């Protein structure tokens, strides 16, 4: 899920055996999030890029540039499909 704390929007994870969620470092600015089919990675959009990060943490890896997505999905063959979102006037990212 995406939640906001003092660092802005971030991906937060909650283990099934826990009552609380915690932010996933490296996901600052995230606005969409989606899982890899094997559950090992999360994909997210931030800073004009689709990025992926291990679900157990680590540095995010840029996958591609994308001005503004509206949604995304990760297929079993490793393809990430997204629909470009609307870029708002004045947002040239």
PDB file of N, CA and C in Angstrom:
ATOM      1  N   UNK A   1       0.834  -1.168   0.000  1.00  0.00           N
ATOM      2  CA  UNK A   1       0.000   0.000   0.000  1.00  0.00           C
ATOM      3  C   UNK A   1       0.883   1.235   0.000  1.00  0.00           C
ATOM      4  N   UNK A   2       0.340   2.337  -0.431  1.00  0.00           N
ATOM      5  CA  UNK A   2       1.033   3.621  -0.380  1.00  0.00           C
ATOM      6  C   UNK A   2       0.480   4.385   0.830  1.00  0.00           C
ATOM      7  N   UNK A   3       1.380   4.881   1.645  1.00  0.00           N
ATOM      8  CA  UNK A   3       0.995   5.705   2.787  1.00  0.00           C
ATOM      9  C   UNK A   3       1.968   6.877   2.868  1.00  0.00           C
ATOM     10  N   UNK A   4       1.584   7.901   3.594  1.00  0.00           N
ATOM     11  CA  UNK A   4       2.394   9.112   3.696  1.00  0.00           C
ATOM     12  C   UNK A   4       2.916   9.248   5.118  1.00  0.00           C
ATOM     13  N   UNK A   5       4.217   9.534   5.209  1.00  0.00           N
ATOM     14  CA  UNK A   5       4.816   9.853   6.500  1.00  0.00           C
ATOM     15  C   UNK A   5       5.653  11.112   6.327  1.00  0.00           C
ATOM     16  N   UNK A   6       6.588  11.379   7.230  1.00  0.00           N
ATOM     17  CA  UNK A   6       7.398  12.598   7.134  1.00  0.00           C
ATOM     18  C   UNK A   6       8.268  12.643   5.885  1.00  0.00           C
ATOM     19  N   UNK A   7       8.455  11.507   5.210  1.00  0.00           N
ATOM     20  CA  UNK A   7       9.236  11.445   3.970  1.00  0.00           C
ATOM     21  C   UNK A   7       8.355  11.542   2.728  1.00  0.00           C
ATOM     22  N   UNK A   8       7.065  11.737   2.904  1.00  0.00           N
ATOM     23  CA  UNK A   8       6.133  11.794   1.785  1.00  0.00           C
ATOM     24  C   UNK A   8       5.540  10.421   1.516  1.00  0.00           C
ATOM     25  N   UNK A   9       4.957  10.225   0.327  1.00  0.00           N
ATOM     26  CA  UNK A   9       4.370   8.923   0.009  1.00  0.00           C
ATOM     27  C   UNK A   9       5.458   7.864  -0.159  1.00  0.00           C
ATOM     28  N   UNK A  10       5.191   6.685   0.376  1.00  0.00           N
ATOM     29  CA  UNK A  10       6.106   5.542   0.297  1.00  0.00           C
ATOM     30  C   UNK A  10       5.289   4.266   0.246  1.00  0.00           C
ATOM     31  N   UNK A  11       5.924   3.189  -0.217  1.00  0.00           N
ATOM     32  CA  UNK A  11       5.317   1.868  -0.141  1.00  0.00           C
ATOM     33  C   UNK A  11       5.482   1.364   1.291  1.00  0.00           C
ATOM     34  N   UNK A  12       4.398   0.900   1.869  1.00  0.00           N
ATOM     35  CA  UNK A  12       4.418   0.305   3.207  1.00  0.00           C
ATOM     36  C   UNK A  12       4.020  -1.157   3.074  1.00  0.00           C
ATOM     37  N   UNK A  13       4.690  -2.014   3.822  1.00  0.00           N
ATOM     38  CA  UNK A  13       4.394  -3.444   3.816  1.00  0.00           C
ATOM     39  C   UNK A  13       3.953  -3.890   5.200  1.00  0.00           C
ATOM     40  N   UNK A  14       3.037  -4.843   5.211  1.00  0.00           N
ATOM     41  CA  UNK A  14       2.597  -5.447   6.460  1.00  0.00           C
ATOM     42  C   UNK A  14       2.675  -6.956   6.301  1.00  0.00           C
ATOM     43  N   UNK A  15       3.493  -7.581   7.112  1.00  0.00           N
ATOM     44  CA  UNK A  15       3.587  -9.036   7.099  1.00  0.00           C
ATOM     45  C   UNK A  15       2.275  -9.625   7.586  1.00  0.00           C
ATOM     46  N   UNK A  16       1.944 -10.794   7.084  1.00  0.00           N
ATOM     47  CA  UNK A  16       0.695 -11.434   7.483  1.00  0.00           C
ATOM     48  C   UNK A  16       0.679 -11.803   8.963  1.00  0.00           C
ATOM     49  N   UNK A  17       1.858 -11.969   9.560  1.00  0.00           N
ATOM     50  CA  UNK A  17       1.912 -12.326  10.969  1.00  0.00           C
ATOM     51  C   UNK A  17       2.127 -11.111  11.876  1.00  0.00           C
ATOM     52  N   UNK A  18       1.858  -9.907  11.350  1.00  0.00           N
ATOM     53  CA  UNK A  18       2.067  -8.684  12.115  1.00  0.00           C
ATOM     54  C   UNK A  18       0.809  -7.816  12.096  1.00  0.00           C
ATOM     55  N   UNK A  19       0.665  -7.007  13.127  1.00  0.00           N
ATOM     56  CA  UNK A  19      -0.460  -6.082  13.186  1.00  0.00           C
ATOM     57  C   UNK A  19      -0.094  -4.687  12.692  1.00  0.00           C
ATOM     58  N   UNK A  20       1.182  -4.472  12.355  1.00  0.00           N
ATOM     59  CA  UNK A  20       1.590  -3.130  11.921  1.00  0.00           C
ATOM     60  C   UNK A  20       2.350  -3.189  10.596  1.00  0.00           C
ATOM     61  N   UNK A  21       2.277  -2.091   9.863  1.00  0.00           N
ATOM     62  CA  UNK A  21       2.980  -1.947   8.594  1.00  0.00           C
ATOM     63  C   UNK A  21       4.207  -1.074   8.802  1.00  0.00           C
ATOM     64  N   UNK A  22       5.182  -1.197   7.908  1.00  0.00           N
ATOM     65  CA  UNK A  22       6.366  -0.343   7.984  1.00  0.00           C
ATOM     66  C   UNK A  22       6.765   0.092   6.578  1.00  0.00           C
ATOM     67  N   UNK A  23       7.376   1.280   6.458  1.00  0.00           N
ATOM     68  CA  UNK A  23       7.755   1.788   5.139  1.00  0.00           C
ATOM     69  C   UNK A  23       8.923   1.000   4.552  1.00  0.00           C
ATOM     70  N   UNK A  24       8.938   0.874   3.235  1.00  0.00           N
ATOM     71  CA  UNK A  24      10.009   0.198   2.514  1.00  0.00           C
ATOM     72  C   UNK A  24      10.976   1.263   2.000  1.00  0.00           C
ATOM     73  N   UNK A  25      12.159   1.334   2.612  1.00  0.00           N
ATOM     74  CA  UNK A  25      13.157   2.345   2.242  1.00  0.00           C
ATOM     75  C   UNK A  25      13.465   2.276   0.754  1.00  0.00           C
ATOM     76  N   UNK A  26      13.608   3.448   0.144  1.00  0.00           N
ATOM     77  CA  UNK A  26      13.905   3.540  -1.280  1.00  0.00           C
ATOM     78  C   UNK A  26      12.684   3.762  -2.146  1.00  0.00           C
ATOM     79  N   UNK A  27      11.487   3.779  -1.525  1.00  0.00           N
ATOM     80  CA  UNK A  27      10.254   3.946  -2.297  1.00  0.00           C
ATOM     81  C   UNK A  27       9.640   5.332  -2.122  1.00  0.00           C
ATOM     82  N   UNK A  28      10.418   6.283  -1.641  1.00  0.00           N
ATOM     83  CA  UNK A  28       9.919   7.639  -1.449  1.00  0.00           C
ATOM     84  C   UNK A  28       9.355   8.189  -2.763  1.00  0.00           C
ATOM     85  N   UNK A  29       8.194   8.827  -2.679  1.00  0.00           N
ATOM     86  CA  UNK A  29       7.559   9.419  -3.846  1.00  0.00           C
ATOM     87  C   UNK A  29       6.692   8.463  -4.642  1.00  0.00           C
ATOM     88  N   UNK A  30       6.546   7.222  -4.199  1.00  0.00           N
ATOM     89  CA  UNK A  30       5.762   6.226  -4.941  1.00  0.00           C
ATOM     90  C   UNK A  30       4.297   6.640  -5.051  1.00  0.00           C
ATOM     91  N   UNK A  31       3.702   6.396  -6.216  1.00  0.00           N
ATOM     92  CA  UNK A  31       2.282   6.691  -6.387  1.00  0.00           C
ATOM     93  C   UNK A  31       1.467   5.500  -6.850  1.00  0.00           C
ATOM     94  N   UNK A  32       2.103   4.475  -7.406  1.00  0.00           N
ATOM     95  CA  UNK A  32       1.408   3.218  -7.692  1.00  0.00           C
ATOM     96  C   UNK A  32       2.313   2.097  -7.217  1.00  0.00           C
ATOM     97  N   UNK A  33       1.734   0.950  -6.942  1.00  0.00           N
ATOM     98  CA  UNK A  33       2.530  -0.204  -6.522  1.00  0.00           C
ATOM     99  C   UNK A  33       1.874  -1.467  -7.072  1.00  0.00           C
ATOM    100  N   UNK A  34       2.703  -2.439  -7.442  1.00  0.00           N
ATOM    101  CA  UNK A  34       2.209  -3.710  -7.961  1.00  0.00           C
ATOM    102  C   UNK A  34       3.249  -4.789  -7.669  1.00  0.00           C
ATOM    103  N   UNK A  35       2.794  -6.032  -7.544  1.00  0.00           N
ATOM    104  CA  UNK A  35       3.656  -7.154  -7.175  1.00  0.00           C
ATOM    105  C   UNK A  35       4.127  -7.935  -8.400  1.00  0.00           C
ATOM    106  N   UNK A  36       5.326  -8.505  -8.298  1.00  0.00           N
ATOM    107  CA  UNK A  36       5.772  -9.484  -9.293  1.00  0.00           C
ATOM    108  C   UNK A  36       4.974 -10.767  -9.050  1.00  0.00           C
ATOM    109  N   UNK A  37       4.810 -11.598 -10.084  1.00  0.00           N
ATOM    110  CA  UNK A  37       4.011 -12.813  -9.913  1.00  0.00           C
ATOM    111  C   UNK A  37       4.542 -13.752  -8.822  1.00  0.00           C
ATOM    112  N   UNK A  38       5.861 -13.783  -8.605  1.00  0.00           N
ATOM    113  CA  UNK A  38       6.433 -14.668  -7.590  1.00  0.00           C
ATOM    114  C   UNK A  38       6.452 -14.047  -6.198  1.00  0.00           C
ATOM    115  N   UNK A  39       6.032 -12.784  -6.067  1.00  0.00           N
ATOM    116  CA  UNK A  39       5.993 -12.113  -4.780  1.00  0.00           C
ATOM    117  C   UNK A  39       7.360 -11.685  -4.254  1.00  0.00           C
ATOM    118  N   UNK A  40       8.403 -11.857  -5.052  1.00  0.00           N
ATOM    119  CA  UNK A  40       9.756 -11.497  -4.625  1.00  0.00           C
ATOM    120  C   UNK A  40      10.028  -9.995  -4.753  1.00  0.00           C
ATOM    121  N   UNK A  41       9.351  -9.337  -5.680  1.00  0.00           N
ATOM    122  CA  UNK A  41       9.598  -7.931  -5.975  1.00  0.00           C
ATOM    123  C   UNK A  41       8.311  -7.137  -5.941  1.00  0.00           C
ATOM    124  N   UNK A  42       8.470  -5.844  -5.714  1.00  0.00           N
ATOM    125  CA  UNK A  42       7.397  -4.874  -5.874  1.00  0.00           C
ATOM    126  C   UNK A  42       7.813  -3.937  -6.990  1.00  0.00           C
ATOM    127  N   UNK A  43       6.867  -3.571  -7.830  1.00  0.00           N
ATOM    128  CA  UNK A  43       7.097  -2.521  -8.805  1.00  0.00           C
ATOM    129  C   UNK A  43       6.386  -1.275  -8.311  1.00  0.00           C
ATOM    130  N   UNK A  44       6.942  -0.121  -8.630  1.00  0.00           N
ATOM    131  CA  UNK A  44       6.287   1.124  -8.237  1.00  0.00           C
ATOM    132  C   UNK A  44       6.718   2.233  -9.190  1.00  0.00           C
ATOM    133  N   UNK A  45       5.968   3.322  -9.188  1.00  0.00           N
ATOM    134  CA  UNK A  45       6.294   4.487  -9.994  1.00  0.00           C
ATOM    135  C   UNK A  45       6.695   5.617  -9.072  1.00  0.00           C
ATOM    136  N   UNK A  46       7.833   6.249  -9.397  1.00  0.00           N
ATOM    137  CA  UNK A  46       8.295   7.435  -8.665  1.00  0.00           C
ATOM    138  C   UNK A  46       9.330   8.148  -9.523  1.00  0.00           C
ATOM    139  N   UNK A  47       9.405   9.441  -9.420  1.00  0.00           N
ATOM    140  CA  UNK A  47      10.426  10.243 -10.102  1.00  0.00           C
ATOM    141  C   UNK A  47      10.438  10.054 -11.619  1.00  0.00           C
ATOM    142  N   UNK A  48       9.257   9.844 -12.212  1.00  0.00           N
ATOM    143  CA  UNK A  48       9.178   9.695 -13.659  1.00  0.00           C
ATOM    144  C   UNK A  48       9.674   8.358 -14.176  1.00  0.00           C
ATOM    145  N   UNK A  49       9.734   7.335 -13.310  1.00  0.00           N
ATOM    146  CA  UNK A  49      10.229   6.017 -13.709  1.00  0.00           C
ATOM    147  C   UNK A  49       9.405   4.908 -13.057  1.00  0.00           C
ATOM    148  N   UNK A  50       9.297   3.787 -13.774  1.00  0.00           N
ATOM    149  CA  UNK A  50       8.859   2.555 -13.150  1.00  0.00           C
ATOM    150  C   UNK A  50      10.117   1.952 -12.533  1.00  0.00           C
ATOM    151  N   UNK A  51      10.016   1.532 -11.265  1.00  0.00           N
ATOM    152  CA  UNK A  51      11.152   0.940 -10.559  1.00  0.00           C
ATOM    153  C   UNK A  51      10.716  -0.372  -9.945  1.00  0.00           C
ATOM    154  N   UNK A  52      11.698  -1.220  -9.626  1.00  0.00           N
ATOM    155  CA  UNK A  52      11.398  -2.444  -8.892  1.00  0.00           C
ATOM    156  C   UNK A  52      12.329  -2.524  -7.693  1.00  0.00           C
ATOM    157  N   UNK A  53      11.860  -3.215  -6.653  1.00  0.00           N
ATOM    158  CA  UNK A  53      12.628  -3.375  -5.428  1.00  0.00           C
ATOM    159  C   UNK A  53      12.275  -4.727  -4.825  1.00  0.00           C
ATOM    160  N   UNK A  54      13.242  -5.370  -4.210  1.00  0.00           N
ATOM    161  CA  UNK A  54      12.971  -6.647  -3.537  1.00  0.00           C
ATOM    162  C   UNK A  54      11.971  -6.404  -2.399  1.00  0.00           C
ATOM    163  N   UNK A  55      11.058  -7.307  -2.219  1.00  0.00           N
ATOM    164  CA  UNK A  55      10.047  -7.160  -1.174  1.00  0.00           C
ATOM    165  C   UNK A  55      10.676  -7.164   0.222  1.00  0.00           C
ATOM    166  N   UNK A  56      11.850  -7.772   0.361  1.00  0.00           N
ATOM    167  CA  UNK A  56      12.520  -7.782   1.659  1.00  0.00           C
ATOM    168  C   UNK A  56      13.511  -6.632   1.809  1.00  0.00           C
ATOM    169  N   UNK A  57      13.490  -5.684   0.865  1.00  0.00           N
ATOM    170  CA  UNK A  57      14.321  -4.494   0.948  1.00  0.00           C
ATOM    171  C   UNK A  57      15.517  -4.539   0.025  1.00  0.00           C
ATOM    172  N   UNK A  58      16.208  -3.425  -0.045  1.00  0.00           N
ATOM    173  CA  UNK A  58      17.347  -3.283  -0.933  1.00  0.00           C
ATOM    174  C   UNK A  58      17.177  -2.043  -1.777  1.00  0.00           C
ATOM    175  N   UNK A  59      18.148  -1.753  -2.634  1.00  0.00           N
ATOM    176  CA  UNK A  59      18.025  -0.547  -3.448  1.00  0.00           C
ATOM    177  C   UNK A  59      17.016  -0.728  -4.579  1.00  0.00           C
ATOM    178  N   UNK A  60      16.250   0.321  -4.906  1.00  0.00           N
ATOM    179  CA  UNK A  60      15.337   0.234  -6.036  1.00  0.00           C
ATOM    180  C   UNK A  60      16.125   0.253  -7.350  1.00  0.00           C
ATOM    181  N   UNK A  61      15.608  -0.429  -8.362  1.00  0.00           N
ATOM    182  CA  UNK A  61      16.242  -0.502  -9.674  1.00  0.00           C
ATOM    183  C   UNK A  61      15.300   0.116 -10.704  1.00  0.00           C
ATOM    184  N   UNK A  62      15.736   1.166 -11.436  1.00  0.00           N
ATOM    185  CA  UNK A  62      14.881   1.728 -12.479  1.00  0.00           C
ATOM    186  C   UNK A  62      14.645   0.708 -13.593  1.00  0.00           C
ATOM    187  N   UNK A  63      13.408   0.609 -14.053  1.00  0.00           N
ATOM    188  CA  UNK A  63      13.056  -0.296 -15.147  1.00  0.00           C
ATOM    189  C   UNK A  63      12.914   0.482 -16.446  1.00  0.00           C
ATOM    190  N   UNK A  64      12.191   1.612 -16.399  1.00  0.00           N
ATOM    191  CA  UNK A  64      12.013   2.434 -17.589  1.00  0.00           C
ATOM    192  C   UNK A  64      11.510   3.814 -17.188  1.00  0.00           C
ATOM    193  N   UNK A  65      11.666   4.763 -18.091  1.00  0.00           N
ATOM    194  CA  UNK A  65      11.100   6.096 -17.906  1.00  0.00           C
ATOM    195  C   UNK A  65       9.623   6.051 -18.273  1.00  0.00           C
ATOM    196  N   UNK A  66       8.816   6.765 -17.528  1.00  0.00           N
ATOM    197  CA  UNK A  66       7.391   6.874 -17.812  1.00  0.00           C
ATOM    198  C   UNK A  66       6.881   8.124 -17.128  1.00  0.00           C
ATOM    199  N   UNK A  67       6.375   9.066 -17.916  1.00  0.00           N
ATOM    200  CA  UNK A  67       5.990  10.377 -17.379  1.00  0.00           C
ATOM    201  C   UNK A  67       4.970  10.279 -16.255  1.00  0.00           C
ATOM    202  N   UNK A  68       3.879   9.545 -16.461  1.00  0.00           N
ATOM    203  CA  UNK A  68       2.826   9.493 -15.446  1.00  0.00           C
ATOM    204  C   UNK A  68       1.939   8.280 -15.691  1.00  0.00           C
ATOM    205  N   UNK A  69       2.142   7.185 -14.956  1.00  0.00           N
ATOM    206  CA  UNK A  69       1.292   6.009 -15.148  1.00  0.00           C
ATOM    207  C   UNK A  69      -0.029   6.142 -14.412  1.00  0.00           C
ATOM    208  N   UNK A  70      -1.013   5.360 -14.846  1.00  0.00           N
ATOM    209  CA  UNK A  70      -2.260   5.313 -14.098  1.00  0.00           C
ATOM    210  C   UNK A  70      -2.431   3.961 -13.415  1.00  0.00           C
ATOM    211  N   UNK A  71      -1.766   2.934 -13.921  1.00  0.00           N
ATOM    212  CA  UNK A  71      -1.794   1.611 -13.298  1.00  0.00           C
ATOM    213  C   UNK A  71      -0.693   0.769 -13.942  1.00  0.00           C
ATOM    214  N   UNK A  72      -0.398  -0.383 -13.340  1.00  0.00           N
ATOM    215  CA  UNK A  72       0.602  -1.288 -13.897  1.00  0.00           C
ATOM    216  C   UNK A  72       0.349  -2.696 -13.399  1.00  0.00           C
ATOM    217  N   UNK A  73       0.815  -3.681 -14.163  1.00  0.00           N
ATOM    218  CA  UNK A  73       0.722  -5.087 -13.783  1.00  0.00           C
ATOM    219  C   UNK A  73       1.977  -5.798 -14.290  1.00  0.00           C
ATOM    220  N   UNK A  74       2.378  -6.845 -13.584  1.00  0.00           N
ATOM    221  CA  UNK A  74       3.594  -7.598 -13.884  1.00  0.00           C
ATOM    222  C   UNK A  74       3.161  -8.991 -14.289  1.00  0.00           C
ATOM    223  N   UNK A  75       3.406  -9.374 -15.546  1.00  0.00           N
ATOM    224  CA  UNK A  75       2.960 -10.679 -16.034  1.00  0.00           C
ATOM    225  C   UNK A  75       3.953 -11.772 -15.648  1.00  0.00           C
ATOM    226  N   UNK A  76       3.531 -13.015 -15.774  1.00  0.00           N
ATOM    227  CA  UNK A  76       4.363 -14.146 -15.382  1.00  0.00           C
ATOM    228  C   UNK A  76       5.614 -14.284 -16.236  1.00  0.00           C
ATOM    229  N   UNK A  77       5.608 -13.743 -17.463  1.00  0.00           N
ATOM    230  CA  UNK A  77       6.816 -13.827 -18.298  1.00  0.00           C
ATOM    231  C   UNK A  77       7.789 -12.680 -18.022  1.00  0.00           C
ATOM    232  N   UNK A  78       7.491 -11.856 -17.005  1.00  0.00           N
ATOM    233  CA  UNK A  78       8.382 -10.765 -16.615  1.00  0.00           C
ATOM    234  C   UNK A  78       8.066  -9.430 -17.249  1.00  0.00           C
ATOM    235  N   UNK A  79       7.071  -9.386 -18.118  1.00  0.00           N
ATOM    236  CA  UNK A  79       6.684  -8.140 -18.770  1.00  0.00           C
ATOM    237  C   UNK A  79       5.879  -7.278 -17.807  1.00  0.00           C
ATOM    238  N   UNK A  80       6.230  -6.006 -17.747  1.00  0.00           N
ATOM    239  CA  UNK A  80       5.446  -5.046 -16.968  1.00  0.00           C
ATOM    240  C   UNK A  80       4.610  -4.243 -17.947  1.00  0.00           C
ATOM    241  N   UNK A  81       3.306  -4.266 -17.744  1.00  0.00           N
ATOM    242  CA  UNK A  81       2.372  -3.566 -18.615  1.00  0.00           C
ATOM    243  C   UNK A  81       1.827  -2.379 -17.834  1.00  0.00           C
ATOM    244  N   UNK A  82       1.814  -1.210 -18.466  1.00  0.00           N
ATOM    245  CA  UNK A  82       1.289  -0.026 -17.808  1.00  0.00           C
ATOM    246  C   UNK A  82       0.491   0.801 -18.796  1.00  0.00           C
ATOM    247  N   UNK A  83      -0.340   1.631 -18.269  1.00  0.00           N
ATOM    248  CA  UNK A  83      -1.143   2.542 -19.071  1.00  0.00           C
ATOM    249  C   UNK A  83      -0.678   3.956 -18.731  1.00  0.00           C
ATOM    250  N   UNK A  84      -0.163   4.682 -19.715  1.00  0.00           N
ATOM    251  CA  UNK A  84       0.284   6.046 -19.409  1.00  0.00           C
ATOM    252  C   UNK A  84      -0.857   6.884 -18.847  1.00  0.00           C
ATOM    253  N   UNK A  85      -0.559   7.586 -17.800  1.00  0.00           N
ATOM    254  CA  UNK A  85      -1.544   8.462 -17.183  1.00  0.00           C
ATOM    255  C   UNK A  85      -1.523   9.820 -17.828  1.00  0.00           C
ATOM    256  N   UNK A  86      -2.380  10.648 -17.367  1.00  0.00           N
ATOM    257  CA  UNK A  86      -2.480  12.007 -17.883  1.00  0.00           C
ATOM    258  C   UNK A  86      -1.422  12.874 -17.213  1.00  0.00           C
ATOM    259  N   UNK A  87      -0.633  13.576 -18.015  1.00  0.00           N
ATOM    260  CA  UNK A  87       0.332  14.521 -17.478  1.00  0.00           C
ATOM    261  C   UNK A  87      -0.372  15.847 -17.295  1.00  0.00           C
ATOM    262  N   UNK A  88      -0.336  16.376 -16.097  1.00  0.00           N
ATOM    263  CA  UNK A  88      -1.022  17.626 -15.801  1.00  0.00           C
ATOM    264  C   UNK A  88      -0.276  18.805 -16.392  1.00  0.00           C
ATOM    265  N   UNK A  89      -0.990  19.835 -16.759  1.00  0.00           N
ATOM    266  CA  UNK A  89      -0.373  21.045 -17.315  1.00  0.00           C
ATOM    267  C   UNK A  89       0.699  21.555 -16.365  1.00  0.00           C
ATOM    268  N   UNK A  90       1.847  21.889 -16.921  1.00  0.00           N
ATOM    269  CA  UNK A  90       2.940  22.390 -16.111  1.00  0.00           C
ATOM    270  C   UNK A  90       3.838  21.288 -15.560  1.00  0.00           C
ATOM    271  N   UNK A  91       3.459  20.017 -15.736  1.00  0.00           N
ATOM    272  CA  UNK A  91       4.276  18.893 -15.264  1.00  0.00           C
ATOM    273  C   UNK A  91       4.981  18.296 -16.461  1.00  0.00           C
ATOM    274  N   UNK A  92       6.225  18.650 -16.660  1.00  0.00           N
ATOM    275  CA  UNK A  92       6.984  18.196 -17.820  1.00  0.00           C
ATOM    276  C   UNK A  92       7.852  16.993 -17.506  1.00  0.00           C
ATOM    277  N   UNK A  93       7.624  16.322 -16.377  1.00  0.00           N
ATOM    278  CA  UNK A  93       8.490  15.194 -16.018  1.00  0.00           C
ATOM    279  C   UNK A  93       8.236  13.971 -16.846  1.00  0.00           C
TER     280      UNK A  93
END
